[in-house]
Amino acid sequence: MNAAFTLVRMRWALTRATLTKSVWQTVAYVFAILFAIGTVIATASAAWNIGDWAAFVQFRPGTAPINVLGPHGIVNTAVVILGAALTLMVGLVQIMLLGEGSTMSPRKFALYGIPDRELQFGLLLSGLSGIPAITGVLSLMLWSLAYRAMGPAVVLASIIAAPLAVITMMSVSKLLLALATTLITSKRGQGAFYMVVVILFVSVCQLPNILVNSGAADSVSLDAAWGTANVMAWTPFGAAFQLPYDALVGNWLAFVARVAILAVAWIVCFALCVWCIRRERLTVGAAEKTVTAKGIGAFGNMPDSPSGAVSARLITYLKRDPRQAMMFIMPVFVTIVFGLQSRAMPGMVWGSLVMSGWMMAIAESNGLAYDGRGFTMQVIAGVPGLTDRIGRVRVYAIIIVAYLLVLTVAIAVFTGDWASPAGPLTGATFAALGIGVAFAALGLAEITSCTLMYPVASLDKPFSAPQGRAMAQGFFPFVYMFGSLLAMLPTGIVAIALLVAGAFDGLYWLLIPVSLVNGAAALAVGTWLGGKLMDARMLSIVATLDSFASLQK
């Protein structure tokens, strides 16, 4: 127990040391506290309003009673389903965004001889003492305001359920992270699992929109929804959120049974995490199968020039790096999601081309950080900045054009627009918009990758989170996202002018040449300016990448 509480004190000591060392870390921490306070206040306000609304609807005189607050009612069903989804989402976010590379990672304490159980218990307590866990407990406790019309027993049960739910979320997330980092050791396995987790996370986020816009939710009755909620209420994911309703009907046997389910889940998660710590210690450094490459690979297919060598090196990296390859899987996924949601607006699926073009260069906006210390070899060879930018743009431009054209054909076949009179022109317009946005975004990426760099996870540990420059990691991607849209302002002005003049329906095809010229011009300017910035900041870039590499260890 002493070791466990020492780890908690160490967590906050390290936090205080970081805040005194870095101004940006202090700013980020202040923003985190403000966000936490806003979350707590918003939850309390929503709970109070829902309590008023539910009491009014359920007990409104002169109308048939509606089961809103009662057991198996609307609020009961929604709370259990959303609570179960939230528990799963916390685990996915832990894997995707936080990772196992934090200061309190088990690997950091391998040399200190702390018993496995004490180490895991201390790490669990340190996680529960952080701002996210405290915010979750306070928010869920204040959610009991929604139950104030149901009696003090229900409110008390809701307050008790709040810490139980947060402990469950933390235990599940720790287990998922431990299993992901311990059992999946090969680079190919880590890459595949990384892609599956990202797609699963986006799928869970988009599921409500898919159900509503596809019409699937229209045929779901409250009884059917409660059937799903009832199943989730007997699992660790949703058990805590059903406890207030057990207290409402006086079903104390079910109340105790659900608490027991939660306790068993904590024990199982804790035991498996301890096993993962022990297994990783015994198997660390195990030899991995090596793959021998034949020939010179992409270097044989690129021009025999410095820019061709840069292109070949980038292709080689993209083939082996799941962190960047994910950006080339997302357009297909986005297209599928748009297609599932396009029941009310069949033409909505064409918008996925613009969205896909917008996101395809996100990784390139921080591309040098993904290259890491490998970029030093290029600097030693004396490759000019413009040559580097041209070599990288060549690869991305070819991929973008080919990818979006294939997606255009696939969407035309899926929607049947290829056979309609206006279908081919609509497809060509959206394809041109997508390529234009992608080119503009790529041009901006060639600038930001030389200036607004931030640490990325190690290729060997894609689930890790490098410490340092947290503010940059959260803010810099938004510069790319909004800046790339700003670069397409001329196309937007033309589109608005056509709408104001009432000529959009007949002349929207003018956006094809406008968007292509706009995107190509933004790409040319971004490539040239990125090359100039690289020449001016070459040594600074090398030093920054060296510091990033030290954060990945």
Protein backbone atom coordinates (compact mmCIF):
# COMPACT_ATOMS: atom_id res chain seq x y z
CA MET A 1 0.00 0.00 0.00
CA ASN A 2 2.87 2.38 0.76
CA ALA A 3 4.28 1.86 -2.72
CA ALA A 4 0.87 2.45 -4.27
CA PHE A 5 0.33 5.76 -2.49
CA THR A 6 3.90 6.75 -3.31
CA LEU A 7 3.06 6.37 -7.00
CA VAL A 8 0.06 8.66 -6.55
CA ARG A 9 2.23 11.30 -4.88
CA MET A 10 4.82 10.84 -7.62
CA ARG A 11 2.20 11.49 -10.30
CA TRP A 12 1.31 14.86 -8.82
CA ALA A 13 4.93 15.71 -8.07
CA LEU A 14 5.79 15.14 -11.72
CA THR A 15 2.80 17.23 -12.75
CA ARG A 16 3.92 20.13 -10.57
CA ALA A 17 7.47 19.84 -11.89
CA THR A 18 6.21 19.93 -15.48
CA LEU A 19 4.07 22.99 -14.82
CA THR A 20 7.02 24.90 -13.35
CA LYS A 21 9.26 23.90 -16.23
CA SER A 22 7.07 24.65 -19.27
CA VAL A 23 4.79 27.63 -19.85
CA TRP A 24 2.96 25.80 -22.63
CA GLN A 25 2.31 22.85 -20.33
CA THR A 26 0.87 25.26 -17.78
CA VAL A 27 -1.40 26.81 -20.42
CA ALA A 28 -2.54 23.36 -21.54
CA TYR A 29 -3.21 22.34 -17.94
CA VAL A 30 -5.28 25.47 -17.34
CA PHE A 31 -7.32 24.69 -20.45
CA ALA A 32 -7.81 21.12 -19.20
CA ILE A 33 -9.08 22.39 -15.85
CA LEU A 34 -11.44 24.85 -17.54
CA PHE A 35 -12.73 22.08 -19.80
CA ALA A 36 -13.26 19.83 -16.78
CA ILE A 37 -15.18 22.56 -14.94
CA GLY A 38 -17.29 23.18 -18.03
CA THR A 39 -18.05 19.47 -18.32
CA VAL A 40 -19.19 19.27 -14.70
CA ILE A 41 -21.37 22.38 -15.02
CA ALA A 42 -22.87 21.23 -18.32
CA THR A 43 -23.70 17.81 -16.87
CA ALA A 44 -25.36 19.36 -13.81
CA SER A 45 -27.39 21.72 -15.98
CA ALA A 46 -28.47 18.93 -18.33
CA ALA A 47 -29.43 16.69 -15.41
CA TRP A 48 -31.53 19.44 -13.81
CA ASN A 49 -33.33 20.24 -17.07
CA ILE A 50 -33.93 16.58 -17.89
CA GLY A 51 -35.37 16.06 -14.42
CA ASP A 52 -37.79 18.95 -14.92
CA TRP A 53 -38.75 17.84 -18.42
CA ALA A 54 -39.22 14.20 -17.48
CA ALA A 55 -41.34 15.05 -14.43
CA PHE A 56 -43.51 17.37 -16.55
CA VAL A 57 -44.04 14.82 -19.34
CA GLN A 58 -44.62 11.86 -17.05
CA PHE A 59 -47.07 13.53 -14.71
CA ARG A 60 -48.72 16.02 -17.09
CA PRO A 61 -52.43 16.20 -16.15
CA GLY A 62 -55.10 15.36 -18.71
CA THR A 63 -52.84 13.14 -20.82
CA ALA A 64 -51.96 9.48 -20.89
CA PRO A 65 -48.95 8.75 -18.66
CA ILE A 66 -45.63 8.29 -20.43
CA ASN A 67 -42.88 6.21 -18.86
CA VAL A 68 -40.00 8.68 -18.92
CA LEU A 69 -38.32 8.52 -15.53
CA GLY A 70 -39.58 5.13 -14.42
CA PRO A 71 -37.92 1.73 -14.81
CA HIS A 72 -37.61 0.56 -18.42
CA GLY A 73 -38.49 4.11 -19.46
CA ILE A 74 -36.91 6.46 -21.94
CA VAL A 75 -34.28 7.90 -19.58
CA ASN A 76 -33.47 4.49 -18.09
CA THR A 77 -32.92 2.98 -21.53
CA ALA A 78 -30.85 5.90 -22.84
CA VAL A 79 -28.68 6.16 -19.70
CA VAL A 80 -27.75 2.47 -19.67
CA ILE A 81 -26.98 2.29 -23.41
CA LEU A 82 -25.02 5.55 -23.46
CA GLY A 83 -23.20 4.61 -20.25
CA ALA A 84 -22.12 1.27 -21.71
CA ALA A 85 -20.97 3.00 -24.89
CA LEU A 86 -19.07 5.58 -22.82
CA THR A 87 -17.24 2.84 -20.93
CA LEU A 88 -16.12 1.30 -24.22
CA MET A 89 -15.19 4.69 -25.66
CA VAL A 90 -12.98 5.50 -22.66
CA GLY A 91 -10.98 2.34 -23.36
CA LEU A 92 -10.63 3.14 -27.06
CA VAL A 93 -9.60 6.73 -26.36
CA GLN A 94 -7.01 5.47 -23.85
CA ILE A 95 -5.48 3.26 -26.54
CA MET A 96 -5.66 5.82 -29.34
CA LEU A 97 -4.77 9.12 -27.68
CA LEU A 98 -3.04 8.44 -24.38
CA GLY A 99 -1.29 5.15 -24.98
CA GLU A 100 1.17 3.38 -22.73
CA GLY A 101 4.05 5.80 -23.12
CA SER A 102 3.07 8.10 -20.29
CA THR A 103 5.32 8.91 -17.34
CA MET A 104 3.40 6.41 -15.21
CA SER A 105 3.90 3.52 -17.62
CA PRO A 106 4.72 0.14 -15.99
CA ARG A 107 7.89 -0.02 -18.09
CA LYS A 108 9.28 3.04 -16.33
CA PHE A 109 9.26 1.16 -12.99
CA ALA A 110 10.76 -2.12 -14.19
CA LEU A 111 14.10 -1.43 -12.48
CA TYR A 112 12.77 -0.60 -9.02
CA GLY A 113 11.69 -4.04 -7.85
CA ILE A 114 8.12 -3.05 -6.97
CA PRO A 115 5.90 -6.15 -6.61
CA ASP A 116 3.58 -6.56 -9.57
CA ARG A 117 0.35 -6.23 -7.57
CA GLU A 118 1.51 -3.11 -5.74
CA LEU A 119 2.74 -1.57 -8.97
CA GLN A 120 -0.55 -2.20 -10.78
CA PHE A 121 -2.59 -0.97 -7.81
CA GLY A 122 -0.50 2.18 -7.63
CA LEU A 123 -0.91 2.81 -11.36
CA LEU A 124 -4.67 2.30 -11.03
CA LEU A 125 -4.87 4.74 -8.11
CA SER A 126 -2.76 7.31 -9.95
CA GLY A 127 -5.13 7.06 -12.89
CA LEU A 128 -8.15 7.50 -10.62
CA SER A 129 -6.57 10.60 -9.06
CA GLY A 130 -6.19 12.43 -12.36
CA ILE A 131 -8.35 15.22 -13.71
CA PRO A 132 -10.32 13.01 -16.16
CA ALA A 133 -11.34 10.55 -13.43
CA ILE A 134 -12.21 13.28 -10.94
CA THR A 135 -14.25 15.06 -13.61
CA GLY A 136 -16.07 11.83 -14.40
CA VAL A 137 -16.94 11.15 -10.78
CA LEU A 138 -18.22 14.67 -10.15
CA SER A 139 -20.21 14.71 -13.39
CA LEU A 140 -21.88 11.36 -12.73
CA MET A 141 -22.63 12.35 -9.14
CA LEU A 142 -24.34 15.52 -10.34
CA TRP A 143 -26.29 13.44 -12.85
CA SER A 144 -28.30 12.33 -9.82
CA LEU A 145 -30.10 15.70 -10.10
CA ALA A 146 -32.10 14.16 -12.92
CA TYR A 147 -33.53 11.66 -10.41
CA ARG A 148 -34.56 14.15 -7.72
CA ALA A 149 -38.29 13.54 -8.41
CA MET A 150 -37.82 9.80 -7.86
CA GLY A 151 -36.94 9.94 -4.17
CA PRO A 152 -33.84 10.13 -1.96
CA ALA A 153 -33.03 6.41 -2.32
CA VAL A 154 -32.63 6.76 -6.07
CA VAL A 155 -30.50 9.90 -5.73
CA LEU A 156 -28.27 8.19 -3.16
CA ALA A 157 -27.94 5.11 -5.38
CA SER A 158 -26.93 7.34 -8.30
CA ILE A 159 -24.27 9.04 -6.17
CA ILE A 160 -22.91 5.65 -5.11
CA ALA A 161 -22.94 4.41 -8.70
CA ALA A 162 -20.78 7.31 -9.94
CA PRO A 163 -17.40 6.20 -8.50
CA LEU A 164 -18.25 2.58 -9.30
CA ALA A 165 -18.74 3.49 -12.97
CA VAL A 166 -15.48 5.47 -13.13
CA ILE A 167 -13.49 2.66 -11.48
CA THR A 168 -14.95 0.27 -14.07
CA MET A 169 -14.00 2.58 -16.94
CA MET A 170 -10.46 2.94 -15.62
CA SER A 171 -10.08 -0.81 -15.03
CA VAL A 172 -11.36 -1.70 -18.51
CA SER A 173 -9.15 0.90 -20.19
CA LYS A 174 -6.07 -0.28 -18.25
CA LEU A 175 -6.82 -3.87 -19.27
CA LEU A 176 -7.32 -3.05 -22.96
CA LEU A 177 -4.10 -1.07 -22.98
CA ALA A 178 -2.15 -3.79 -21.18
CA LEU A 179 -3.39 -6.50 -23.54
CA ALA A 180 -2.72 -4.36 -26.61
CA THR A 181 0.87 -3.57 -25.63
CA THR A 182 1.76 -6.97 -24.16
CA LEU A 183 0.18 -9.57 -26.43
CA ILE A 184 0.65 -7.79 -29.75
CA THR A 185 4.41 -7.57 -30.10
CA SER A 186 5.10 -7.81 -33.84
CA LYS A 187 5.14 -4.63 -35.88
CA ARG A 188 2.69 -6.07 -38.39
CA GLY A 189 0.31 -7.10 -35.63
CA GLN A 190 0.56 -3.72 -33.93
CA GLY A 191 -0.11 -1.98 -37.22
CA ALA A 192 -3.16 -4.09 -37.98
CA PHE A 193 -4.54 -3.70 -34.47
CA TYR A 194 -3.92 0.05 -34.57
CA MET A 195 -6.02 0.35 -37.73
CA VAL A 196 -8.80 -1.81 -36.30
CA VAL A 197 -8.97 0.32 -33.13
CA VAL A 198 -9.12 3.58 -35.09
CA ILE A 199 -11.87 2.28 -37.39
CA LEU A 200 -13.80 0.89 -34.42
CA PHE A 201 -13.53 4.23 -32.61
CA VAL A 202 -14.81 6.19 -35.61
CA SER A 203 -17.57 3.60 -36.14
CA VAL A 204 -18.82 3.99 -32.57
CA CYS A 205 -18.78 7.78 -32.96
CA GLN A 206 -20.73 7.61 -36.21
CA LEU A 207 -23.19 4.90 -35.17
CA PRO A 208 -25.92 7.29 -33.93
CA ASN A 209 -25.80 9.28 -37.19
CA ILE A 210 -25.89 6.11 -39.26
CA LEU A 211 -28.91 4.76 -37.38
CA VAL A 212 -30.84 8.04 -37.63
CA ASN A 213 -30.01 9.03 -41.21
CA SER A 214 -30.29 5.53 -42.63
CA GLY A 215 -33.78 5.11 -41.17
CA ALA A 216 -32.80 2.10 -39.06
CA ALA A 217 -33.74 3.96 -35.87
CA ASP A 218 -37.29 4.59 -37.12
CA SER A 219 -38.23 0.94 -36.75
CA VAL A 220 -36.74 0.52 -33.25
CA SER A 221 -39.36 0.60 -30.50
CA LEU A 222 -38.78 1.50 -26.86
CA ASP A 223 -39.29 -2.13 -25.86
CA ALA A 224 -36.63 -3.29 -28.33
CA ALA A 225 -34.24 -0.61 -27.12
CA TRP A 226 -34.87 -1.60 -23.52
CA GLY A 227 -34.09 -5.20 -24.43
CA THR A 228 -30.62 -4.09 -25.49
CA ALA A 229 -30.25 -1.90 -22.41
CA ASN A 230 -31.34 -4.75 -20.14
CA VAL A 231 -28.62 -6.98 -21.55
CA MET A 232 -26.01 -4.24 -21.11
CA ALA A 233 -27.22 -3.63 -17.53
CA TRP A 234 -26.08 -7.14 -16.61
CA THR A 235 -22.57 -6.54 -17.95
CA PRO A 236 -19.77 -4.48 -16.33
CA PHE A 237 -20.27 -1.85 -19.04
CA GLY A 238 -23.78 -0.83 -18.01
CA ALA A 239 -24.37 -2.31 -14.55
CA ALA A 240 -23.47 0.85 -12.63
CA PHE A 241 -25.93 2.95 -14.64
CA GLN A 242 -28.84 0.62 -13.78
CA LEU A 243 -28.32 0.82 -9.99
CA PRO A 244 -30.60 3.87 -9.42
CA TYR A 245 -33.51 2.08 -11.09
CA ASP A 246 -32.99 -1.01 -8.97
CA ALA A 247 -33.30 1.27 -5.95
CA LEU A 248 -36.41 2.85 -7.47
CA VAL A 249 -38.33 -0.44 -7.61
CA GLY A 250 -36.75 -1.77 -4.42
CA ASN A 251 -35.04 -4.67 -6.19
CA TRP A 252 -32.11 -4.80 -3.77
CA LEU A 253 -31.15 -8.32 -4.84
CA ALA A 254 -30.48 -7.07 -8.36
CA PHE A 255 -28.70 -4.04 -6.88
CA VAL A 256 -26.29 -6.25 -4.94
CA ALA A 257 -25.87 -8.59 -7.91
CA ARG A 258 -24.83 -5.73 -10.21
CA VAL A 259 -22.36 -4.40 -7.64
CA ALA A 260 -20.94 -7.92 -7.44
CA ILE A 261 -20.60 -7.99 -11.24
CA LEU A 262 -18.65 -4.75 -11.10
CA ALA A 263 -16.41 -6.04 -8.29
CA VAL A 264 -15.67 -9.25 -10.21
CA ALA A 265 -14.86 -7.21 -13.31
CA TRP A 266 -12.40 -5.08 -11.31
CA ILE A 267 -10.71 -8.18 -9.93
CA VAL A 268 -10.46 -9.82 -13.35
CA CYS A 269 -9.08 -6.65 -14.96
CA PHE A 270 -6.58 -6.19 -12.14
CA ALA A 271 -5.42 -9.81 -12.30
CA LEU A 272 -4.98 -9.72 -16.08
CA CYS A 273 -3.07 -6.43 -15.87
CA VAL A 274 -0.72 -7.97 -13.30
CA TRP A 275 -0.26 -10.97 -15.58
CA CYS A 276 0.57 -8.63 -18.49
CA ILE A 277 3.20 -6.84 -16.39
CA ARG A 278 4.80 -10.15 -15.44
CA ARG A 279 4.66 -11.52 -18.98
CA GLU A 280 6.17 -8.40 -20.52
CA ARG A 281 9.04 -8.50 -18.03
CA LEU A 282 9.77 -12.13 -18.90
CA THR A 283 9.48 -11.74 -22.68
CA VAL A 284 10.96 -8.28 -23.25
CA GLY A 285 13.66 -8.28 -25.88
CA ALA A 286 12.46 -11.49 -27.50
CA ALA A 287 13.75 -11.85 -31.00
CA GLU A 288 11.37 -10.90 -33.79
CA LYS A 289 11.27 -12.44 -37.23
CA THR A 290 13.23 -10.46 -39.75
CA VAL A 291 12.16 -9.93 -43.32
CA THR A 292 14.76 -9.73 -46.06
CA ALA A 293 13.84 -7.36 -48.86
CA LYS A 294 14.71 -8.32 -52.43
CA GLY A 295 15.97 -5.72 -54.84
CA ILE A 296 15.93 -1.98 -54.21
CA GLY A 297 12.16 -1.70 -53.95
CA ALA A 298 10.64 1.70 -54.67
CA PHE A 299 14.05 3.15 -55.57
CA GLY A 300 13.89 1.21 -58.84
CA ASN A 301 10.58 2.81 -59.84
CA MET A 302 11.36 6.46 -59.12
CA PRO A 303 13.43 8.92 -61.22
CA ASP A 304 17.19 8.64 -60.81
CA SER A 305 17.51 12.00 -59.08
CA PRO A 306 17.60 13.43 -55.54
CA SER A 307 13.86 14.12 -55.61
CA GLY A 308 13.29 10.58 -56.87
CA ALA A 309 15.28 9.21 -53.94
CA VAL A 310 13.14 11.29 -51.56
CA SER A 311 10.01 9.89 -53.22
CA ALA A 312 11.27 6.32 -52.93
CA ARG A 313 12.15 6.77 -49.27
CA LEU A 314 8.69 8.18 -48.57
CA ILE A 315 6.99 5.26 -50.35
CA THR A 316 9.06 2.83 -48.30
CA TYR A 317 8.02 4.57 -45.08
CA LEU A 318 4.33 4.68 -46.03
CA LYS A 319 4.28 0.94 -46.77
CA ARG A 320 5.67 0.09 -43.32
CA ASP A 321 4.09 2.76 -41.13
CA PRO A 322 0.52 2.04 -39.92
CA ARG A 323 0.30 5.49 -38.35
CA GLN A 324 0.43 7.13 -41.79
CA ALA A 325 -1.21 4.31 -43.73
CA MET A 326 -4.36 4.85 -41.66
CA MET A 327 -5.00 8.06 -43.59
CA PHE A 328 -5.30 6.06 -46.80
CA ILE A 329 -7.84 3.67 -45.30
CA MET A 330 -10.09 6.38 -43.88
CA PRO A 331 -11.41 7.67 -47.26
CA VAL A 332 -12.97 4.30 -48.03
CA PHE A 333 -14.43 4.18 -44.54
CA VAL A 334 -15.76 7.74 -44.84
CA THR A 335 -17.36 6.89 -48.17
CA ILE A 336 -19.11 3.88 -46.64
CA VAL A 337 -20.36 5.97 -43.70
CA PHE A 338 -21.68 8.69 -46.04
CA GLY A 339 -23.36 6.02 -48.16
CA LEU A 340 -25.13 4.51 -45.14
CA GLN A 341 -26.39 7.96 -44.11
CA SER A 342 -27.58 9.07 -47.56
CA ARG A 343 -31.17 7.79 -47.39
CA ALA A 344 -32.73 11.24 -47.00
CA MET A 345 -30.17 12.92 -49.31
CA PRO A 346 -28.92 10.44 -51.95
CA GLY A 347 -26.38 12.95 -53.27
CA MET A 348 -24.75 13.23 -49.84
CA VAL A 349 -22.37 10.37 -50.61
CA TRP A 350 -20.58 12.55 -53.18
CA GLY A 351 -19.50 14.83 -50.36
CA SER A 352 -17.21 12.06 -49.11
CA LEU A 353 -14.82 12.90 -51.97
CA VAL A 354 -14.25 16.38 -50.56
CA MET A 355 -13.90 15.04 -47.02
CA SER A 356 -11.48 12.36 -48.22
CA GLY A 357 -9.33 14.88 -50.06
CA TRP A 358 -9.27 17.07 -46.97
CA MET A 359 -7.90 14.34 -44.70
CA MET A 360 -5.43 12.53 -46.96
CA ALA A 361 -2.52 14.86 -46.18
CA ILE A 362 -3.04 15.09 -42.42
CA ALA A 363 -0.07 12.83 -41.74
CA GLU A 364 2.07 14.82 -44.20
CA SER A 365 1.30 18.02 -42.26
CA ASN A 366 3.67 16.57 -39.65
CA GLY A 367 5.55 14.32 -42.04
CA LEU A 368 9.08 15.06 -40.86
CA ALA A 369 8.17 13.98 -37.33
CA TYR A 370 7.16 10.59 -38.75
CA ASP A 371 10.51 10.39 -40.57
CA GLY A 372 12.32 11.06 -37.28
CA ARG A 373 16.08 10.82 -37.21
CA GLY A 374 16.10 9.30 -40.69
CA PHE A 375 15.82 12.85 -42.01
CA THR A 376 19.35 13.56 -40.69
CA MET A 377 20.87 11.41 -43.44
CA GLN A 378 19.16 13.58 -46.04
CA VAL A 379 20.52 16.74 -44.41
CA ILE A 380 24.06 15.32 -44.38
CA ALA A 381 23.69 14.52 -48.09
CA GLY A 382 22.91 18.18 -48.75
CA VAL A 383 19.50 17.74 -50.37
CA PRO A 384 17.91 21.17 -50.99
CA GLY A 385 14.59 21.89 -49.32
CA LEU A 386 12.70 22.39 -52.60
CA THR A 387 13.99 19.06 -53.88
CA ASP A 388 12.70 17.35 -50.74
CA ARG A 389 9.30 19.00 -51.04
CA ILE A 390 8.98 18.05 -54.72
CA GLY A 391 9.90 14.45 -53.95
CA ARG A 392 7.23 14.19 -51.26
CA VAL A 393 4.57 16.03 -53.27
CA ARG A 394 5.12 13.71 -56.23
CA VAL A 395 4.12 10.66 -54.17
CA TYR A 396 1.11 12.21 -52.47
CA ALA A 397 -0.20 13.85 -55.65
CA ILE A 398 -0.16 10.55 -57.54
CA ILE A 399 -1.87 8.74 -54.68
CA ILE A 400 -4.50 11.46 -54.26
CA VAL A 401 -5.48 11.65 -57.92
CA ALA A 402 -5.61 7.88 -58.44
CA TYR A 403 -7.42 7.27 -55.14
CA LEU A 404 -10.11 9.90 -55.63
CA LEU A 405 -10.75 8.88 -59.23
CA VAL A 406 -11.27 5.26 -58.16
CA LEU A 407 -13.61 6.42 -55.39
CA THR A 408 -15.52 8.54 -57.93
CA VAL A 409 -16.12 5.54 -60.16
CA ALA A 410 -17.14 3.40 -57.17
CA ILE A 411 -19.64 6.02 -55.95
CA ALA A 412 -21.08 6.44 -59.45
CA VAL A 413 -21.69 2.69 -59.65
CA PHE A 414 -23.07 2.53 -56.09
CA THR A 415 -25.54 5.38 -56.58
CA GLY A 416 -26.40 4.58 -60.20
CA ASP A 417 -25.59 8.18 -61.17
CA TRP A 418 -23.39 6.98 -64.02
CA ALA A 419 -26.59 6.18 -65.96
CA SER A 420 -28.41 9.46 -65.18
CA PRO A 421 -28.10 12.52 -67.47
CA ALA A 422 -26.52 14.78 -64.84
CA GLY A 423 -24.70 12.03 -62.91
CA PRO A 424 -21.32 12.08 -64.73
CA LEU A 425 -21.09 15.88 -64.49
CA THR A 426 -21.95 15.78 -60.78
CA GLY A 427 -19.32 13.12 -60.18
CA ALA A 428 -16.71 15.08 -62.13
CA THR A 429 -17.49 18.23 -60.13
CA PHE A 430 -17.13 16.55 -56.77
CA ALA A 431 -14.00 14.71 -57.92
CA ALA A 432 -12.45 18.01 -58.99
CA LEU A 433 -13.44 19.61 -55.67
CA GLY A 434 -11.92 16.69 -53.79
CA ILE A 435 -8.67 16.86 -55.76
CA GLY A 436 -8.54 20.63 -55.39
CA VAL A 437 -9.02 20.48 -51.63
CA ALA A 438 -6.46 17.68 -51.37
CA PHE A 439 -3.88 19.65 -53.36
CA ALA A 440 -4.45 22.79 -51.28
CA ALA A 441 -4.16 20.76 -48.08
CA LEU A 442 -0.99 19.09 -49.36
CA GLY A 443 0.53 22.47 -50.19
CA LEU A 444 -0.14 23.72 -46.67
CA ALA A 445 1.20 20.43 -45.26
CA GLU A 446 4.54 21.06 -46.96
CA ILE A 447 4.75 24.30 -44.96
CA THR A 448 3.50 23.12 -41.56
CA SER A 449 5.70 20.01 -41.59
CA CYS A 450 8.74 22.32 -41.56
CA THR A 451 7.46 24.69 -38.87
CA LEU A 452 4.59 23.38 -36.74
CA MET A 453 6.04 20.02 -35.76
CA TYR A 454 4.91 17.97 -32.78
CA PRO A 455 5.94 14.57 -31.34
CA VAL A 456 4.32 11.40 -32.66
CA ALA A 457 4.20 7.87 -31.32
CA SER A 458 7.10 5.57 -32.02
CA LEU A 459 6.76 3.23 -35.00
CA ASP A 460 7.59 0.33 -32.68
CA LYS A 461 4.88 1.42 -30.18
CA PRO A 462 2.02 3.05 -32.14
CA PHE A 463 -0.17 3.04 -28.98
CA SER A 464 2.28 5.14 -27.00
CA ALA A 465 1.94 8.86 -26.32
CA PRO A 466 5.19 10.85 -26.33
CA GLN A 467 5.37 13.28 -23.45
CA GLY A 468 5.97 16.97 -24.04
CA ARG A 469 4.50 19.71 -26.23
CA ALA A 470 0.96 18.59 -25.39
CA MET A 471 -0.40 21.97 -26.44
CA ALA A 472 1.23 21.59 -29.85
CA GLN A 473 -0.09 18.05 -30.28
CA GLY A 474 -3.63 19.31 -29.77
CA PHE A 475 -3.47 22.67 -31.59
CA PHE A 476 -1.19 22.29 -34.62
CA PRO A 477 -3.41 19.79 -36.52
CA PHE A 478 -6.24 22.35 -36.43
CA VAL A 479 -3.97 24.88 -38.15
CA TYR A 480 -3.65 22.44 -41.04
CA MET A 481 -7.37 21.59 -41.09
CA PHE A 482 -8.65 25.18 -41.13
CA GLY A 483 -5.77 26.57 -43.17
CA SER A 484 -6.38 24.09 -45.99
CA LEU A 485 -10.01 25.22 -46.21
CA LEU A 486 -8.88 28.86 -46.22
CA ALA A 487 -6.59 28.08 -49.16
CA MET A 488 -9.69 27.08 -51.16
CA LEU A 489 -11.33 30.46 -50.55
CA PRO A 490 -11.31 31.45 -54.28
CA THR A 491 -13.35 28.36 -55.11
CA GLY A 492 -15.72 29.16 -52.27
CA ILE A 493 -16.17 32.71 -53.55
CA VAL A 494 -17.06 31.44 -57.03
CA ALA A 495 -19.57 28.97 -55.57
CA ILE A 496 -21.19 31.72 -53.47
CA ALA A 497 -21.34 34.04 -56.49
CA LEU A 498 -23.13 31.37 -58.53
CA LEU A 499 -25.62 30.84 -55.70
CA VAL A 500 -26.31 34.56 -55.31
CA ALA A 501 -26.76 34.97 -59.07
CA GLY A 502 -29.15 32.00 -59.12
CA ALA A 503 -27.04 30.27 -61.76
CA PHE A 504 -25.59 27.47 -59.64
CA ASP A 505 -27.82 24.69 -61.01
CA GLY A 506 -26.83 25.45 -64.58
CA LEU A 507 -23.22 26.53 -64.15
CA TYR A 508 -21.96 24.50 -61.18
CA TRP A 509 -19.62 22.70 -63.58
CA LEU A 510 -17.49 25.89 -63.55
CA LEU A 511 -16.23 24.69 -60.19
CA ILE A 512 -14.28 21.94 -61.99
CA PRO A 513 -11.60 24.19 -63.56
CA VAL A 514 -11.76 26.73 -60.71
CA SER A 515 -11.12 24.14 -57.98
CA LEU A 516 -8.37 22.38 -59.93
CA VAL A 517 -6.54 25.64 -60.68
CA ASN A 518 -7.06 26.81 -57.07
CA GLY A 519 -5.70 23.54 -55.65
CA ALA A 520 -2.76 23.38 -58.07
CA ALA A 521 -1.79 27.00 -57.32
CA ALA A 522 -1.96 26.41 -53.55
CA LEU A 523 0.13 23.26 -53.98
CA ALA A 524 2.78 25.06 -56.05
CA VAL A 525 3.04 27.96 -53.59
CA GLY A 526 3.11 25.58 -50.60
CA THR A 527 5.82 23.43 -52.17
CA TRP A 528 8.01 26.44 -52.99
CA LEU A 529 7.52 28.12 -49.60
CA GLY A 530 8.01 24.81 -47.78
CA GLY A 531 11.33 24.35 -49.57
CA LYS A 532 12.48 27.83 -48.59
CA LEU A 533 11.49 27.25 -44.96
CA MET A 534 13.30 23.92 -44.90
CA ASP A 535 16.49 25.50 -46.18
CA ALA A 536 16.29 28.20 -43.52
CA ARG A 537 15.43 25.84 -40.65
CA MET A 538 17.37 22.70 -41.63
CA LEU A 539 19.53 22.44 -38.51
CA SER A 540 16.66 23.46 -36.25
CA ILE A 541 14.52 20.71 -37.77
CA VAL A 542 17.23 18.11 -37.10
CA ALA A 543 17.52 19.24 -33.48
CA THR A 544 13.75 19.14 -33.03
CA LEU A 545 13.48 15.65 -34.52
CA ASP A 546 16.28 14.50 -32.22
CA SER A 547 14.34 15.75 -29.20
CA PHE A 548 11.19 14.03 -30.48
CA ALA A 549 13.09 10.74 -30.75
CA SER A 550 14.12 11.02 -27.10
CA LEU A 551 10.44 11.48 -26.13
CA GLN A 552 9.50 8.23 -27.89
CA LYS A 553 11.73 6.05 -25.72
